[in-house]
Protein backbone atom coordinates (compact mmCIF):
# COMPACT_ATOMS: atom_id res chain seq x y z
CA UNK A 1 151.40 108.33 97.08
CA UNK A 2 150.71 104.76 95.88
CA UNK A 3 148.06 102.54 97.43
CA UNK A 4 150.82 100.13 98.55
CA UNK A 5 152.44 102.91 100.54
CA UNK A 6 149.20 103.34 102.58
CA UNK A 7 149.22 99.70 103.74
CA UNK A 8 150.37 99.38 107.34
CA UNK A 9 152.28 96.19 108.03
CA UNK A 10 151.08 93.97 110.86
CA UNK A 11 153.83 93.22 113.36
CA UNK A 12 154.29 91.10 116.48
CA UNK A 13 153.42 94.23 118.43
CA UNK A 14 150.11 94.42 116.54
CA UNK A 15 149.22 90.91 117.71
CA UNK A 16 149.97 91.87 121.29
CA UNK A 17 147.70 94.90 120.99
CA UNK A 18 144.93 92.68 119.60
CA UNK A 19 145.22 90.36 122.62
CA UNK A 20 145.34 93.27 125.07
CA UNK A 21 142.19 94.74 123.58
CA UNK A 22 140.33 91.41 123.44
CA UNK A 23 140.30 91.26 119.65
CA UNK A 24 140.81 87.85 118.00
CA UNK A 25 143.73 87.08 115.67
CA UNK A 26 143.18 85.38 112.30
CA UNK A 27 145.86 83.14 110.80
CA UNK A 28 145.98 80.88 107.75
CA UNK A 29 148.66 78.92 105.99
CA UNK A 30 149.89 79.72 102.50
CA UNK A 31 152.73 78.32 100.40
CA UNK A 32 152.86 80.29 97.17
CA UNK A 33 152.68 83.82 95.76
CA UNK A 34 149.17 83.64 94.29
CA UNK A 35 147.32 82.35 97.35
CA UNK A 36 149.39 84.58 99.64
CA UNK A 37 148.29 87.61 97.65
CA UNK A 38 144.62 86.53 97.86
CA UNK A 39 144.72 85.75 101.57
CA UNK A 40 146.64 88.96 102.36
CA UNK A 41 144.19 91.07 100.37
CA UNK A 42 141.33 89.52 102.33
CA UNK A 43 142.65 91.08 105.53
CA UNK A 44 144.27 88.13 107.34
CA UNK A 45 146.47 89.03 110.29
CA UNK A 46 149.08 86.29 109.93
CA UNK A 47 150.18 83.93 107.20
CA UNK A 48 151.96 80.81 108.38
CA UNK A 49 154.25 79.23 105.82
CA UNK A 50 153.72 75.84 107.45
CA UNK A 51 155.79 72.69 107.13
CA UNK A 52 152.37 71.29 106.22
CA UNK A 53 153.58 72.14 102.71
CA UNK A 54 155.16 68.68 103.00
CA UNK A 55 151.61 67.22 103.02
CA UNK A 56 149.47 69.56 100.89
CA UNK A 57 152.07 70.71 98.33
CA UNK A 58 154.42 67.71 98.07
CA UNK A 59 152.07 64.84 98.96
CA UNK A 60 154.07 63.38 101.85
CA UNK A 61 152.36 61.50 104.65
CA UNK A 62 153.99 63.63 107.38
CA UNK A 63 155.69 66.99 107.76
CA UNK A 64 159.09 65.39 108.35
CA UNK A 65 160.45 65.15 104.79
CA UNK A 66 160.37 68.83 103.87
CA UNK A 67 163.79 70.50 103.87
CA UNK A 68 165.04 73.91 104.93
CA UNK A 69 165.72 74.81 101.32
CA UNK A 70 162.18 73.88 100.34
CA UNK A 71 160.75 75.94 103.19
CA UNK A 72 162.83 78.89 102.06
CA UNK A 73 161.48 78.51 98.53
CA UNK A 74 157.84 78.50 99.72
CA UNK A 75 158.41 81.33 102.20
CA UNK A 76 160.09 83.54 99.59
CA UNK A 77 157.11 83.07 97.30
CA UNK A 78 154.64 83.96 100.05
CA UNK A 79 156.53 87.07 101.16
CA UNK A 80 156.40 88.44 97.63
CA UNK A 81 152.63 88.18 97.72
CA UNK A 82 151.97 89.47 101.25
CA UNK A 83 152.03 93.25 101.55
CA UNK A 84 150.13 93.70 104.86
CA UNK A 85 150.13 90.64 107.10
CA UNK A 86 152.79 89.15 109.32
CA UNK A 87 154.55 86.19 107.71
CA UNK A 88 155.73 83.39 110.02
CA UNK A 89 157.78 80.44 108.74
CA UNK A 90 158.07 76.99 110.28
CA UNK A 91 161.57 75.69 110.98
CA UNK A 92 161.36 72.19 109.52
CA UNK A 93 162.23 68.95 111.25
CA UNK A 94 166.02 68.59 111.61
CA UNK A 95 166.69 72.32 111.32
CA UNK A 96 166.80 73.03 115.06
CA UNK A 97 166.46 69.96 117.23
CA UNK A 98 170.10 68.83 117.37
CA UNK A 99 171.66 71.96 118.87
CA UNK A 100 171.15 75.68 119.20
CA UNK A 101 173.96 76.55 116.74
CA UNK A 102 172.16 74.76 113.93
CA UNK A 103 168.84 76.25 115.03
CA UNK A 104 170.21 79.78 114.93
CA UNK A 105 171.85 79.22 111.53
CA UNK A 106 168.55 77.81 110.15
CA UNK A 107 166.55 80.75 111.46
CA UNK A 108 169.04 83.29 110.08
CA UNK A 109 168.87 81.65 106.63
CA UNK A 110 165.05 81.93 106.63
CA UNK A 111 165.09 85.55 107.67
CA UNK A 112 167.85 86.62 105.24
CA UNK A 113 166.73 84.56 102.23
CA UNK A 114 162.95 84.95 102.43
CA UNK A 115 162.20 88.39 103.94
CA UNK A 116 159.81 86.75 106.44
CA UNK A 117 159.08 88.37 109.80
CA UNK A 118 159.29 85.47 112.29
CA UNK A 119 159.82 81.74 112.66
CA UNK A 120 157.96 79.00 114.50
CA UNK A 121 159.38 76.00 116.43
CA UNK A 122 157.65 72.97 117.91
CA UNK A 123 158.36 71.97 121.49
CA UNK A 124 158.91 73.33 124.99
CA UNK A 125 161.65 72.95 127.56
CA UNK A 126 163.56 70.46 125.38
CA UNK A 127 164.25 73.10 122.72
CA UNK A 128 164.46 76.19 124.95
CA UNK A 129 168.15 76.72 124.28
CA UNK A 130 167.44 77.04 120.57
CA UNK A 131 164.53 79.42 121.24
CA UNK A 132 166.71 81.64 123.40
CA UNK A 133 169.57 81.72 120.91
CA UNK A 134 167.26 82.68 118.05
CA UNK A 135 165.52 85.39 120.03
CA UNK A 136 168.84 86.75 121.23
CA UNK A 137 169.78 87.26 117.59
CA UNK A 138 166.73 89.53 117.16
CA UNK A 139 164.50 87.02 115.40
CA UNK A 140 160.89 86.78 116.64
CA UNK A 141 159.83 83.26 117.64
CA UNK A 142 156.35 81.73 117.77
CA UNK A 143 156.13 78.61 119.93
CA UNK A 144 154.01 75.51 119.30
CA UNK A 145 152.72 73.09 121.98
CA UNK A 146 150.20 70.28 122.17
CA UNK A 147 150.10 68.09 119.11
CA UNK A 148 153.43 68.77 117.43
CA UNK A 149 153.33 67.04 114.02
CA UNK A 150 157.10 66.81 113.72
CA UNK A 151 156.95 64.39 116.68
CA UNK A 152 154.17 62.26 115.19
CA UNK A 153 156.19 59.03 115.29
CA UNK A 154 156.82 59.61 118.99
CA UNK A 155 153.10 60.20 119.65
CA UNK A 156 151.98 57.40 117.37
CA UNK A 157 148.74 59.16 116.39
CA UNK A 158 147.15 62.54 115.70
CA UNK A 159 144.85 62.20 118.72
CA UNK A 160 144.12 65.03 121.15
CA UNK A 161 147.10 65.73 123.42
CA UNK A 162 147.36 66.70 127.10
CA UNK A 163 144.16 65.01 128.26
CA UNK A 164 146.05 63.41 131.16
CA UNK A 165 147.07 65.55 134.11
CA UNK A 166 150.84 64.99 133.76
CA UNK A 167 150.94 66.04 130.11
CA UNK A 168 148.60 69.00 130.78
CA UNK A 169 150.87 70.20 133.59
CA UNK A 170 153.94 69.91 131.37
CA UNK A 171 152.18 71.89 128.65
CA UNK A 172 151.29 74.67 131.11
CA UNK A 173 154.87 74.75 132.36
CA UNK A 174 156.27 74.75 128.78
CA UNK A 175 153.98 77.65 127.85
CA UNK A 176 155.36 79.75 130.66
CA UNK A 177 158.89 78.78 129.84
CA UNK A 178 158.46 79.82 126.23
CA UNK A 179 156.90 83.11 127.26
CA UNK A 180 159.73 83.78 129.69
CA UNK A 181 162.27 83.03 126.92
CA UNK A 182 160.70 85.80 124.82
CA UNK A 183 158.30 84.09 122.38
CA UNK A 184 155.81 86.60 121.00
CA UNK A 185 153.03 84.07 120.54
CA UNK A 186 152.18 80.42 120.99
CA UNK A 187 150.26 77.93 118.84
CA UNK A 188 148.17 75.40 120.82
CA UNK A 189 147.27 72.38 118.65
CA UNK A 190 144.63 69.75 119.38
CA UNK A 191 144.31 70.07 123.15
CA UNK A 192 141.19 70.19 125.35
CA UNK A 193 139.38 73.55 125.14
CA UNK A 194 139.41 73.90 128.95
CA UNK A 195 143.20 73.54 129.06
CA UNK A 196 143.66 75.99 126.20
CA UNK A 197 141.52 78.52 128.10
CA UNK A 198 143.68 78.14 131.25
CA UNK A 199 146.88 78.54 129.27
CA UNK A 200 145.60 81.51 127.29
CA UNK A 201 144.52 83.29 130.47
CA UNK A 202 147.84 82.56 132.21
CA UNK A 203 149.96 84.12 129.45
CA UNK A 204 150.33 87.77 128.53
CA UNK A 205 151.38 86.77 124.96
CA UNK A 206 148.73 85.67 122.39
CA UNK A 207 147.77 82.05 121.87
CA UNK A 208 146.66 80.76 118.45
CA UNK A 209 144.52 77.66 118.50
CA UNK A 210 143.97 74.83 116.02
CA UNK A 211 141.66 72.21 117.43
CA UNK A 212 141.99 73.91 120.86
CA UNK A 213 138.58 75.46 121.27
CA UNK A 214 137.25 79.04 121.21
CA UNK A 215 139.17 80.54 124.14
CA UNK A 216 142.51 81.09 122.47
CA UNK A 217 143.42 84.59 121.35
CA UNK A 218 143.28 83.56 117.71
CA UNK A 219 142.77 80.67 115.30
CA UNK A 220 144.74 79.07 112.51
CA UNK A 221 143.72 76.55 109.81
CA UNK A 222 145.51 74.96 106.89
CA UNK A 223 144.33 76.81 103.76
CA UNK A 224 143.87 73.61 101.72
CA UNK A 225 141.59 72.19 104.40
CA UNK A 226 139.54 75.33 104.97
CA UNK A 227 138.97 75.88 101.23
CA UNK A 228 138.04 72.28 100.56
CA UNK A 229 140.97 71.56 98.26
CA UNK A 230 141.95 68.60 100.42
CA UNK A 231 138.83 66.51 100.86
CA UNK A 232 140.39 63.56 102.70
CA UNK A 233 141.17 65.44 105.88
CA UNK A 234 138.02 66.25 107.87
CA UNK A 235 138.81 66.49 111.59
CA UNK A 236 136.25 67.70 114.12
CA UNK A 237 137.93 71.13 114.48
CA UNK A 238 137.87 71.94 110.76
CA UNK A 239 135.25 74.27 109.30
CA UNK A 240 135.25 74.02 105.51
CA UNK A 241 134.28 77.35 104.00
CA UNK A 242 134.37 76.26 100.35
CA UNK A 243 134.48 73.04 98.34
CA UNK A 244 137.13 74.02 95.79
CA UNK A 245 137.65 70.35 94.94
CA UNK A 246 134.21 70.16 93.38
CA UNK A 247 134.39 73.63 91.83
CA UNK A 248 137.82 73.10 90.25
CA UNK A 249 137.11 69.58 88.97
CA UNK A 250 133.77 70.81 87.57
CA UNK A 251 135.49 73.67 85.72
CA UNK A 252 138.18 71.35 84.33
CA UNK A 253 135.55 68.84 83.16
CA UNK A 254 133.70 71.66 81.39
CA UNK A 255 136.98 72.77 79.75
CA UNK A 256 137.66 69.21 78.58
CA UNK A 257 134.16 68.94 77.14
CA UNK A 258 134.48 72.26 75.33
CA UNK A 259 137.81 71.29 73.81
CA UNK A 260 136.65 67.78 72.76
CA UNK A 261 133.49 69.16 71.11
CA UNK A 262 135.26 72.05 69.42
CA UNK A 263 133.53 74.72 71.43
CA UNK A 264 136.78 76.22 72.65
CA UNK A 265 138.24 78.43 71.43
CA UNK A 266 135.41 80.30 69.68
CA UNK A 267 135.86 82.95 67.01
CA UNK A 268 135.83 85.68 69.61
CA UNK A 269 138.64 83.85 71.46
CA UNK A 270 140.79 83.56 68.35
CA UNK A 271 143.12 86.08 66.62
């Protein structure tokens, strides 16, 4: 039996078991085959093919420009590299907000064309019809509340959300609505830690935090931020585990120097 056959795939049920047993869930973004393979081999629980690809892969200012076709391309690449973890794909802006028919068609395309295991949508009660339609088709849905980047022009900033009572109450209500609709998990982005704790304790499904404090059932970061590839983005919630910007530019500078001085390739590197 091959080693690949021994790998047990993580599922939505696995995440529920982790929450039930008090074990934390680890989640990172990835957008291509090579990094997906590295992250998966490291033992991550979930890879999110985030619409943040619009920022870190394509250089856009927001997540809004990325298309469904582009998300399918990135997700297909990630799925080919992930042999163990659960792969969740963001539905991009415009692929679900207008009506539930379009939302379902978008989700079906992602599942059929990428081989991914679940999709993620931003919003609460205002998109609940789309959530229900997608789940009724047998597609697992991860919700996303708090700072929802696809609504950045509505918010006007990337500041912490739900600090005021009215917005906090709506978030708590939306979380319960999404759970009742059948979401298997919920991302809470950039909200007060105390609120995230209340929401996490009120739900039986797992919560995944980003800038939402330590009381969520798991955490997610953007890979490019966590590895120090993107040096411009340094929010309070980010822990940078490497500085790949310095390491990569240093290696490239050394390569340039070796080429310019004739040190590469050497005799042993020639045929």
